[in-house]
């Protein structure tokens, strides 16, 4: 992330804008499930929350500290907008979900209890889809010097 901030400063002219979009892990959530990507099984009858993906918060804290260090009044960038929201990812089966997490989101892991719960639900009803709600943050910045 540090290299990205250097590149933003290098390629932007004064007054230019940059948008930083990345996963969001609120400070203070520690190992709380509320700060993690949430997993929901969606079936014909109802939606059932079945768990959360685990992730290391250290990487997120590092990027947040870098951003904060670049946004001081005497520095290079001014934060114009900070917004958080969720992006939903859908998987049509447990196999697709498992493959996606292991190949695309290697920094995330699924606990054994949650894994067994999702597998049991998808075995009972093959029409169930798995939705992952990923917390995301967007920062819009402007180069000031």
C-alpha atoms as a PDB file:
ATOM      1  CA  UNK A   1       0.000   0.000   0.000  1.00  0.00           C
ATOM      2  CA  UNK A   2       2.924   2.367   0.659  1.00  0.00           C
ATOM      3  CA  UNK A   3       4.046   2.065  -2.959  1.00  0.00           C
ATOM      4  CA  UNK A   4       0.504   2.890  -4.102  1.00  0.00           C
ATOM      5  CA  UNK A   5       0.511   6.156  -2.144  1.00  0.00           C
ATOM      6  CA  UNK A   6       3.895   7.087  -3.633  1.00  0.00           C
ATOM      7  CA  UNK A   7       2.525   6.363  -7.115  1.00  0.00           C
ATOM      8  CA  UNK A   8      -0.633   8.396  -6.442  1.00  0.00           C
ATOM      9  CA  UNK A   9       1.506  11.383  -5.525  1.00  0.00           C
ATOM     10  CA  UNK A  10       3.843  10.835  -8.495  1.00  0.00           C
ATOM     11  CA  UNK A  11       1.170  10.595 -11.214  1.00  0.00           C
ATOM     12  CA  UNK A  12      -1.392  13.116  -9.938  1.00  0.00           C
ATOM     13  CA  UNK A  13      -1.089  16.789 -10.779  1.00  0.00           C
ATOM     14  CA  UNK A  14      -1.928  19.243  -7.999  1.00  0.00           C
ATOM     15  CA  UNK A  15      -5.721  19.300  -7.740  1.00  0.00           C
ATOM     16  CA  UNK A  16      -5.998  15.754  -9.127  1.00  0.00           C
ATOM     17  CA  UNK A  17      -8.154  13.081  -7.460  1.00  0.00           C
ATOM     18  CA  UNK A  18      -7.486   9.482  -6.400  1.00  0.00           C
ATOM     19  CA  UNK A  19      -9.953   6.869  -5.156  1.00  0.00           C
ATOM     20  CA  UNK A  20      -8.768   4.195  -2.707  1.00  0.00           C
ATOM     21  CA  UNK A  21     -11.152   1.223  -2.431  1.00  0.00           C
ATOM     22  CA  UNK A  22     -10.183  -1.714  -0.211  1.00  0.00           C
ATOM     23  CA  UNK A  23     -11.566  -4.062   2.426  1.00  0.00           C
ATOM     24  CA  UNK A  24     -12.556  -2.355   5.674  1.00  0.00           C
ATOM     25  CA  UNK A  25     -11.777  -3.710   9.100  1.00  0.00           C
ATOM     26  CA  UNK A  26     -12.999  -1.251  11.741  1.00  0.00           C
ATOM     27  CA  UNK A  27     -10.533  -0.537  14.531  1.00  0.00           C
ATOM     28  CA  UNK A  28     -11.573  -2.032  17.834  1.00  0.00           C
ATOM     29  CA  UNK A  29     -13.377  -5.053  16.374  1.00  0.00           C
ATOM     30  CA  UNK A  30     -10.469  -7.368  17.207  1.00  0.00           C
ATOM     31  CA  UNK A  31     -11.684 -10.918  16.668  1.00  0.00           C
ATOM     32  CA  UNK A  32     -15.353  -9.830  16.697  1.00  0.00           C
ATOM     33  CA  UNK A  33     -17.419 -11.416  13.933  1.00  0.00           C
ATOM     34  CA  UNK A  34     -19.117  -8.073  13.260  1.00  0.00           C
ATOM     35  CA  UNK A  35     -15.952  -6.704  11.636  1.00  0.00           C
ATOM     36  CA  UNK A  36     -15.430  -9.697   9.349  1.00  0.00           C
ATOM     37  CA  UNK A  37     -16.932 -10.684   5.995  1.00  0.00           C
ATOM     38  CA  UNK A  38     -20.293 -12.303   6.846  1.00  0.00           C
ATOM     39  CA  UNK A  39     -21.543 -15.516   5.211  1.00  0.00           C
ATOM     40  CA  UNK A  40     -25.236 -16.103   4.546  1.00  0.00           C
ATOM     41  CA  UNK A  41     -26.894 -19.129   2.937  1.00  0.00           C
ATOM     42  CA  UNK A  42     -29.770 -18.027   0.721  1.00  0.00           C
ATOM     43  CA  UNK A  43     -32.478 -20.565   0.020  1.00  0.00           C
ATOM     44  CA  UNK A  44     -36.045 -20.623  -1.250  1.00  0.00           C
ATOM     45  CA  UNK A  45     -37.503 -20.478   2.244  1.00  0.00           C
ATOM     46  CA  UNK A  46     -35.180 -18.118   4.141  1.00  0.00           C
ATOM     47  CA  UNK A  47     -31.756 -16.521   4.506  1.00  0.00           C
ATOM     48  CA  UNK A  48     -29.596 -17.966   7.276  1.00  0.00           C
ATOM     49  CA  UNK A  49     -26.461 -16.340   8.673  1.00  0.00           C
ATOM     50  CA  UNK A  50     -23.936 -19.152   8.970  1.00  0.00           C
ATOM     51  CA  UNK A  51     -20.652 -17.560   9.959  1.00  0.00           C
ATOM     52  CA  UNK A  52     -17.855 -15.191   9.119  1.00  0.00           C
ATOM     53  CA  UNK A  53     -14.518 -15.385   7.383  1.00  0.00           C
ATOM     54  CA  UNK A  54     -11.457 -14.814   9.546  1.00  0.00           C
ATOM     55  CA  UNK A  55      -8.762 -12.393   8.488  1.00  0.00           C
ATOM     56  CA  UNK A  56      -5.610 -10.815   9.867  1.00  0.00           C
ATOM     57  CA  UNK A  57      -6.298  -7.209  10.822  1.00  0.00           C
ATOM     58  CA  UNK A  58      -2.609  -6.195  10.796  1.00  0.00           C
ATOM     59  CA  UNK A  59      -2.529  -5.651   7.023  1.00  0.00           C
ATOM     60  CA  UNK A  60      -5.550  -3.350   7.221  1.00  0.00           C
ATOM     61  CA  UNK A  61      -4.102  -1.369  10.136  1.00  0.00           C
ATOM     62  CA  UNK A  62      -0.853  -0.826   8.206  1.00  0.00           C
ATOM     63  CA  UNK A  63      -2.686   0.608   5.178  1.00  0.00           C
ATOM     64  CA  UNK A  64      -4.821   2.817   7.439  1.00  0.00           C
ATOM     65  CA  UNK A  65      -1.713   4.205   9.176  1.00  0.00           C
ATOM     66  CA  UNK A  66      -0.094   4.929   5.805  1.00  0.00           C
ATOM     67  CA  UNK A  67      -3.195   6.756   4.613  1.00  0.00           C
ATOM     68  CA  UNK A  68      -3.375   8.799   7.818  1.00  0.00           C
ATOM     69  CA  UNK A  69       0.302   9.763   7.504  1.00  0.00           C
ATOM     70  CA  UNK A  70      -0.317  11.163   3.992  1.00  0.00           C
ATOM     71  CA  UNK A  71      -3.392  13.196   4.991  1.00  0.00           C
ATOM     72  CA  UNK A  72      -1.890  15.637   7.477  1.00  0.00           C
ATOM     73  CA  UNK A  73      -2.451  19.291   6.462  1.00  0.00           C
ATOM     74  CA  UNK A  74       1.232  19.852   5.555  1.00  0.00           C
ATOM     75  CA  UNK A  75       1.367  16.681   3.473  1.00  0.00           C
ATOM     76  CA  UNK A  76       0.491  15.616  -0.009  1.00  0.00           C
ATOM     77  CA  UNK A  77      -3.151  14.521   0.001  1.00  0.00           C
ATOM     78  CA  UNK A  78      -6.446  15.793   1.391  1.00  0.00           C
ATOM     79  CA  UNK A  79      -9.226  13.357   2.268  1.00  0.00           C
ATOM     80  CA  UNK A  80     -12.492  14.529   0.701  1.00  0.00           C
ATOM     81  CA  UNK A  81     -14.746  11.505   1.268  1.00  0.00           C
ATOM     82  CA  UNK A  82     -14.551   8.418   3.482  1.00  0.00           C
ATOM     83  CA  UNK A  83     -17.409   5.966   3.089  1.00  0.00           C
ATOM     84  CA  UNK A  84     -17.952   2.358   4.151  1.00  0.00           C
ATOM     85  CA  UNK A  85     -20.333  -0.131   2.575  1.00  0.00           C
ATOM     86  CA  UNK A  86     -20.727  -3.834   1.845  1.00  0.00           C
ATOM     87  CA  UNK A  87     -20.065  -5.626  -1.421  1.00  0.00           C
ATOM     88  CA  UNK A  88     -21.946  -8.911  -1.830  1.00  0.00           C
ATOM     89  CA  UNK A  89     -20.299 -11.893  -3.553  1.00  0.00           C
ATOM     90  CA  UNK A  90     -22.468 -14.883  -4.544  1.00  0.00           C
ATOM     91  CA  UNK A  91     -21.400 -18.522  -5.003  1.00  0.00           C
ATOM     92  CA  UNK A  92     -23.746 -21.166  -6.446  1.00  0.00           C
ATOM     93  CA  UNK A  93     -22.312 -24.069  -4.419  1.00  0.00           C
ATOM     94  CA  UNK A  94     -19.984 -24.884  -1.541  1.00  0.00           C
ATOM     95  CA  UNK A  95     -17.364 -26.131  -3.996  1.00  0.00           C
ATOM     96  CA  UNK A  96     -17.355 -22.793  -5.867  1.00  0.00           C
ATOM     97  CA  UNK A  97     -17.263 -20.890  -2.559  1.00  0.00           C
ATOM     98  CA  UNK A  98     -14.373 -22.992  -1.199  1.00  0.00           C
ATOM     99  CA  UNK A  99     -12.377 -22.631  -4.430  1.00  0.00           C
ATOM    100  CA  UNK A 100     -12.991 -18.862  -4.534  1.00  0.00           C
ATOM    101  CA  UNK A 101     -11.878 -18.320  -0.928  1.00  0.00           C
ATOM    102  CA  UNK A 102      -8.766 -20.487  -1.336  1.00  0.00           C
ATOM    103  CA  UNK A 103      -7.633 -18.934  -4.641  1.00  0.00           C
ATOM    104  CA  UNK A 104      -8.892 -15.339  -4.623  1.00  0.00           C
ATOM    105  CA  UNK A 105      -9.003 -14.458  -0.924  1.00  0.00           C
ATOM    106  CA  UNK A 106      -5.950 -16.258   0.409  1.00  0.00           C
ATOM    107  CA  UNK A 107      -5.711 -13.924   3.421  1.00  0.00           C
ATOM    108  CA  UNK A 108      -9.145 -15.110   4.609  1.00  0.00           C
ATOM    109  CA  UNK A 109      -9.918 -18.422   6.288  1.00  0.00           C
ATOM    110  CA  UNK A 110     -13.099 -20.269   7.168  1.00  0.00           C
ATOM    111  CA  UNK A 111     -13.348 -21.860  10.615  1.00  0.00           C
ATOM    112  CA  UNK A 112     -14.180 -25.567  10.857  1.00  0.00           C
ATOM    113  CA  UNK A 113     -17.541 -25.018  12.599  1.00  0.00           C
ATOM    114  CA  UNK A 114     -18.669 -22.560   9.907  1.00  0.00           C
ATOM    115  CA  UNK A 115     -17.343 -24.859   7.162  1.00  0.00           C
ATOM    116  CA  UNK A 116     -19.359 -27.828   8.449  1.00  0.00           C
ATOM    117  CA  UNK A 117     -22.484 -25.689   8.863  1.00  0.00           C
ATOM    118  CA  UNK A 118     -22.300 -24.430   5.255  1.00  0.00           C
ATOM    119  CA  UNK A 119     -21.567 -27.907   3.898  1.00  0.00           C
ATOM    120  CA  UNK A 120     -24.530 -29.391   5.796  1.00  0.00           C
ATOM    121  CA  UNK A 121     -26.916 -26.697   4.548  1.00  0.00           C
ATOM    122  CA  UNK A 122     -25.821 -27.028   0.915  1.00  0.00           C
ATOM    123  CA  UNK A 123     -26.074 -30.841   1.096  1.00  0.00           C
ATOM    124  CA  UNK A 124     -29.667 -30.556   2.355  1.00  0.00           C
ATOM    125  CA  UNK A 125     -30.667 -28.135  -0.395  1.00  0.00           C
ATOM    126  CA  UNK A 126     -28.598 -27.904  -3.592  1.00  0.00           C
ATOM    127  CA  UNK A 127     -30.416 -24.708  -4.657  1.00  0.00           C
ATOM    128  CA  UNK A 128     -28.871 -22.727  -1.778  1.00  0.00           C
ATOM    129  CA  UNK A 129     -26.525 -19.919  -2.769  1.00  0.00           C
ATOM    130  CA  UNK A 130     -23.761 -18.646  -0.503  1.00  0.00           C
ATOM    131  CA  UNK A 131     -23.424 -14.875  -0.112  1.00  0.00           C
ATOM    132  CA  UNK A 132     -20.353 -13.186   1.357  1.00  0.00           C
ATOM    133  CA  UNK A 133     -20.878  -9.598   2.525  1.00  0.00           C
ATOM    134  CA  UNK A 134     -17.453  -7.948   2.435  1.00  0.00           C
ATOM    135  CA  UNK A 135     -17.039  -4.670   4.362  1.00  0.00           C
ATOM    136  CA  UNK A 136     -15.345  -2.157   2.053  1.00  0.00           C
ATOM    137  CA  UNK A 137     -14.102   1.390   2.453  1.00  0.00           C
ATOM    138  CA  UNK A 138     -13.742   4.108  -0.154  1.00  0.00           C
ATOM    139  CA  UNK A 139     -11.499   7.134   0.314  1.00  0.00           C
ATOM    140  CA  UNK A 140     -11.523   9.981  -2.202  1.00  0.00           C
ATOM    141  CA  UNK A 141      -8.390  12.102  -1.965  1.00  0.00           C
ATOM    142  CA  UNK A 142      -7.086  15.194  -3.712  1.00  0.00           C
ATOM    143  CA  UNK A 143      -3.447  16.101  -4.234  1.00  0.00           C
ATOM    144  CA  UNK A 144      -2.851  19.497  -2.666  1.00  0.00           C
ATOM    145  CA  UNK A 145       0.795  20.185  -3.514  1.00  0.00           C
END
